[in-house]
Structures are given as C-alpha cells and as structure tokens.
C-alpha atoms as a PDB file:
ATOM      1  CA  MET A   1      45.060  73.525  68.568  1.00  0.00           C
ATOM      2  CA  ILE A   2      43.640  76.707  67.088  1.00  0.00           C
ATOM      3  CA  LEU A   3      40.430  76.449  65.082  1.00  0.00           C
ATOM      4  CA  VAL A   4      40.309  78.858  62.148  1.00  0.00           C
ATOM      5  CA  LYS A   5      37.223  79.287  59.985  1.00  0.00           C
ATOM      6  CA  ILE A   6      37.116  81.125  56.689  1.00  0.00           C
ATOM      7  CA  LEU A   7      33.535  82.210  56.027  1.00  0.00           C
ATOM      8  CA  GLY A   8      32.559  82.757  52.420  1.00  0.00           C
ATOM      9  CA  PRO A   9      30.831  81.315  49.379  1.00  0.00           C
ATOM     10  CA  GLY A  10      34.031  80.761  47.397  1.00  0.00           C
ATOM     11  CA  CYS A  11      34.613  84.197  45.883  1.00  0.00           C
ATOM     12  CA  SER A  12      38.138  85.290  44.946  1.00  0.00           C
ATOM     13  CA  LYS A  13      38.585  87.238  48.207  1.00  0.00           C
ATOM     14  CA  CYS A  14      37.513  84.184  50.209  1.00  0.00           C
ATOM     15  CA  ARG A  15      39.994  81.962  48.373  1.00  0.00           C
ATOM     16  CA  SER A  16      42.761  84.550  48.808  1.00  0.00           C
ATOM     17  CA  LEU A  17      42.155  84.806  52.550  1.00  0.00           C
ATOM     18  CA  GLU A  18      42.108  81.024  52.942  1.00  0.00           C
ATOM     19  CA  LYS A  19      45.387  80.695  51.004  1.00  0.00           C
ATOM     20  CA  LYS A  20      47.037  83.455  53.037  1.00  0.00           C
ATOM     21  CA  VAL A  21      45.942  81.953  56.385  1.00  0.00           C
ATOM     22  CA  ARG A  22      47.122  78.469  55.415  1.00  0.00           C
ATOM     23  CA  GLU A  23      50.510  79.835  54.285  1.00  0.00           C
ATOM     24  CA  LEU A  24      50.996  81.819  57.501  1.00  0.00           C
ATOM     25  CA  ILE A  25      50.116  78.795  59.637  1.00  0.00           C
ATOM     26  CA  GLU A  26      52.536  76.553  57.762  1.00  0.00           C
ATOM     27  CA  LYS A  27      55.367  79.103  57.606  1.00  0.00           C
ATOM     28  CA  ASN A  28      55.137  79.847  61.335  1.00  0.00           C
ATOM     29  CA  ASN A  29      54.499  76.267  62.524  1.00  0.00           C
ATOM     30  CA  ILE A  30      51.258  77.226  64.241  1.00  0.00           C
ATOM     31  CA  PRO A  31      49.134  74.273  65.398  1.00  0.00           C
ATOM     32  CA  ALA A  32      45.843  75.086  63.709  1.00  0.00           C
ATOM     33  CA  GLU A  33      43.003  73.518  61.798  1.00  0.00           C
ATOM     34  CA  VAL A  34      41.479  75.554  58.966  1.00  0.00           C
ATOM     35  CA  LEU A  35      37.879  75.017  57.942  1.00  0.00           C
ATOM     36  CA  LYS A  36      36.158  76.634  54.971  1.00  0.00           C
ATOM     37  CA  VAL A  37      32.534  77.494  55.793  1.00  0.00           C
ATOM     38  CA  GLU A  38      30.300  78.000  52.751  1.00  0.00           C
ATOM     39  CA  ASP A  39      26.910  77.317  54.364  1.00  0.00           C
ATOM     40  CA  ILE A  40      24.986  80.603  54.422  1.00  0.00           C
ATOM     41  CA  ASN A  41      23.131  79.736  57.636  1.00  0.00           C
ATOM     42  CA  GLU A  42      26.366  78.971  59.474  1.00  0.00           C
ATOM     43  CA  MET A  43      27.933  82.198  58.170  1.00  0.00           C
ATOM     44  CA  MET A  44      24.900  84.176  59.348  1.00  0.00           C
ATOM     45  CA  SER A  45      25.217  82.646  62.833  1.00  0.00           C
ATOM     46  CA  TYR A  46      28.418  84.699  63.244  1.00  0.00           C
ATOM     47  CA  GLY A  47      26.563  87.928  62.473  1.00  0.00           C
ATOM     48  CA  ILE A  48      28.753  88.965  59.541  1.00  0.00           C
ATOM     49  CA  MET A  49      27.252  90.989  56.715  1.00  0.00           C
ATOM     50  CA  MET A  50      30.128  90.748  54.238  1.00  0.00           C
ATOM     51  CA  THR A  51      32.576  88.043  53.248  1.00  0.00           C
ATOM     52  CA  PRO A  52      35.215  86.890  53.625  1.00  0.00           C
ATOM     53  CA  GLY A  53      34.956  86.342  57.345  1.00  0.00           C
ATOM     54  CA  LEU A  54      37.808  85.203  59.565  1.00  0.00           C
ATOM     55  CA  VAL A  55      36.916  83.396  62.783  1.00  0.00           C
ATOM     56  CA  ILE A  56      39.610  82.211  65.198  1.00  0.00           C
ATOM     57  CA  ASN A  57      38.574  80.020  68.135  1.00  0.00           C
ATOM     58  CA  GLU A  58      34.942  81.033  67.549  1.00  0.00           C
ATOM     59  CA  GLN A  59      35.695  84.788  67.702  1.00  0.00           C
ATOM     60  CA  VAL A  60      35.043  86.891  64.600  1.00  0.00           C
ATOM     61  CA  LYS A  61      38.285  88.736  63.859  1.00  0.00           C
ATOM     62  CA  SER A  62      37.396  90.358  60.539  1.00  0.00           C
ATOM     63  CA  TYR A  63      34.866  90.411  57.729  1.00  0.00           C
ATOM     64  CA  GLY A  64      34.573  92.103  54.353  1.00  0.00           C
ATOM     65  CA  ILE A  65      38.352  92.579  54.074  1.00  0.00           C
ATOM     66  CA  ILE A  66      41.548  90.606  53.747  1.00  0.00           C
ATOM     67  CA  PRO A  67      43.621  91.639  56.784  1.00  0.00           C
ATOM     68  CA  LYS A  68      47.351  92.226  56.531  1.00  0.00           C
ATOM     69  CA  ASP A  69      49.640  89.257  57.224  1.00  0.00           C
ATOM     70  CA  GLU A  70      50.949  90.836  60.431  1.00  0.00           C
ATOM     71  CA  GLN A  71      47.431  91.224  61.833  1.00  0.00           C
ATOM     72  CA  ILE A  72      46.430  87.643  60.984  1.00  0.00           C
ATOM     73  CA  LEU A  73      49.635  86.348  62.549  1.00  0.00           C
ATOM     74  CA  LYS A  74      48.992  88.376  65.716  1.00  0.00           C
ATOM     75  CA  TRP A  75      45.485  86.905  66.014  1.00  0.00           C
ATOM     76  CA  LEU A  76      46.785  83.388  65.442  1.00  0.00           C
ATOM     77  CA  LYS A  77      49.493  83.768  68.086  1.00  0.00           C
ATOM     78  CA  GLU A  78      46.930  85.135  70.574  1.00  0.00           C
ATOM     79  CA  GLY A  79      44.907  81.956  69.987  1.00  0.00           C
ATOM     80  CA  GLU A  80      47.757  79.578  70.866  1.00  0.00           C
END
C-alpha cells in the first residue's frame, strides 16, 4: 500500500491537491492511503518551505505547486 501525505495548513491549494490525489487514486484503483498533515512541526521535518507538499512513501515529490495529473499518477505508479 502506498502512503501519500498532503502537507499543508488547509489553504485552497492544499485542499485542491488533496482532492485531486484522492480522485486519481480512486479512478485508477491504486492501493493507497492518503493522510492530511497540518502540524507545522511535521511539515517542517520534510524540509519544505512552501505548501502544499506532496509526499509519497516518505519521499517529497513536490511543494509549493499543484502538479499535473499525469505527473501525480506517474509518482503513484512508481510507488506501487
């Protein structure tokens, strides 16, 4: 099972990224668990300076942007 973390305090970009990731996982039948991380100390432990952050299997894949669907899907499939 893939572990996906969305790092962010709940801003609109953070919510958009979480929604997009959840939709891609469901649409593509990817076995994944999605966690929303809002704790500032936990976010800082990943070394990101901007939100939203996307972490897949404990690897930071992006931060400060909402990646394109194709890129997120590629990362998710690499994590399987």
